[in-house]
């Protein structure tokens, strides 16, 4: 299950070039069955595993960054932030 779709929609409304890649990521998340961070790295080698719960995904190549929280037992992914590299550099992702 994917929560935080409003964050994705809001970002897409400002960055229309991100629409296809963001929607593709969301669709894949909805059908994923990740049980651990290694499952994410197997599919998204460039993803950064921040800790047991947080992951940063590169969107549209490496144009945008998406911070998500992943609850593996509940099969729940929450989109927390989506931004440009300049925005990402200001995030506190601890």
Protein backbone atom coordinates (compact mmCIF):
# COMPACT_ATOMS: atom_id res chain seq x y z
CA UNK A 1 0.00 0.00 0.00
CA UNK A 2 1.22 3.51 -0.82
CA UNK A 3 0.32 6.51 1.30
CA UNK A 4 1.26 10.11 0.59
CA UNK A 5 -0.02 10.21 -2.96
CA UNK A 6 -1.05 13.81 -2.37
CA UNK A 7 2.64 14.71 -2.00
CA UNK A 8 3.35 13.06 -5.34
CA UNK A 9 0.44 14.81 -7.06
CA UNK A 10 1.40 18.21 -5.68
CA UNK A 11 4.97 17.77 -6.91
CA UNK A 12 3.84 16.61 -10.36
CA UNK A 13 1.65 19.69 -10.72
CA UNK A 14 4.81 21.83 -10.45
CA UNK A 15 7.20 19.46 -12.26
CA UNK A 16 5.21 17.93 -15.11
CA UNK A 17 8.29 16.14 -16.46
CA UNK A 18 8.21 13.96 -13.35
CA UNK A 19 4.70 12.63 -13.98
CA UNK A 20 5.61 9.45 -15.87
CA UNK A 21 8.50 8.39 -13.63
CA UNK A 22 6.59 9.17 -10.42
CA UNK A 23 3.51 7.28 -11.59
CA UNK A 24 5.64 4.33 -12.66
CA UNK A 25 7.34 4.27 -9.24
CA UNK A 26 3.98 4.49 -7.45
CA UNK A 27 2.53 1.67 -9.53
CA UNK A 28 5.51 -0.53 -8.80
CA UNK A 29 5.34 0.25 -5.07
CA UNK A 30 1.66 -0.71 -5.02
CA UNK A 31 2.50 -4.14 -6.42
CA UNK A 32 5.73 -4.68 -4.49
CA UNK A 33 6.28 -7.27 -1.81
CA UNK A 34 9.38 -5.90 -0.10
CA UNK A 35 10.30 -7.74 3.07
CA UNK A 36 13.61 -6.00 3.82
CA UNK A 37 15.89 -3.24 2.53
CA UNK A 38 17.75 -5.76 0.35
CA UNK A 39 14.56 -6.28 -1.67
CA UNK A 40 14.48 -2.57 -2.47
CA UNK A 41 18.18 -2.51 -3.38
CA UNK A 42 17.67 -5.49 -5.68
CA UNK A 43 15.11 -3.52 -7.69
CA UNK A 44 16.52 -0.01 -7.15
CA UNK A 45 20.31 -0.31 -6.81
CA UNK A 46 20.71 3.48 -6.63
CA UNK A 47 18.27 3.81 -3.72
CA UNK A 48 19.84 4.97 -0.47
CA UNK A 49 18.80 3.03 2.61
CA UNK A 50 18.94 5.66 5.36
CA UNK A 51 17.92 3.41 8.25
CA UNK A 52 15.52 0.51 8.87
CA UNK A 53 12.56 2.68 7.92
CA UNK A 54 13.69 5.40 5.49
CA UNK A 55 14.75 5.11 1.88
CA UNK A 56 15.65 7.75 -0.70
CA UNK A 57 14.76 6.86 -4.28
CA UNK A 58 16.15 8.56 -7.37
CA UNK A 59 13.31 9.58 -9.67
CA UNK A 60 13.67 10.31 -13.38
CA UNK A 61 17.20 9.09 -13.54
CA UNK A 62 18.71 11.20 -10.83
CA UNK A 63 16.74 14.40 -11.43
CA UNK A 64 14.51 14.18 -8.36
CA UNK A 65 14.69 12.55 -4.93
CA UNK A 66 11.86 10.84 -3.10
CA UNK A 67 12.07 10.15 0.62
CA UNK A 68 9.84 7.31 1.78
CA UNK A 69 9.19 5.43 4.96
CA UNK A 70 8.81 1.68 4.58
CA UNK A 71 7.06 -0.62 7.04
CA UNK A 72 8.03 -4.06 5.75
CA UNK A 73 5.73 -6.20 7.94
CA UNK A 74 2.68 -4.09 7.00
CA UNK A 75 3.71 -3.81 3.32
CA UNK A 76 3.25 -0.05 3.70
CA UNK A 77 5.23 2.69 1.93
CA UNK A 78 4.66 6.33 2.83
CA UNK A 79 5.92 9.03 0.47
CA UNK A 80 7.28 11.69 2.82
CA UNK A 81 8.97 14.18 0.50
CA UNK A 82 9.67 14.57 -3.20
CA UNK A 83 11.98 17.27 -4.43
CA UNK A 84 14.79 18.50 -6.59
CA UNK A 85 18.42 17.94 -5.64
CA UNK A 86 18.59 21.49 -4.28
CA UNK A 87 15.58 20.82 -2.07
CA UNK A 88 16.92 17.41 -1.05
CA UNK A 89 20.17 18.92 0.17
CA UNK A 90 18.18 20.90 2.76
CA UNK A 91 16.15 17.97 4.12
CA UNK A 92 16.81 16.52 7.54
CA UNK A 93 16.33 12.84 6.80
CA UNK A 94 17.55 11.35 10.05
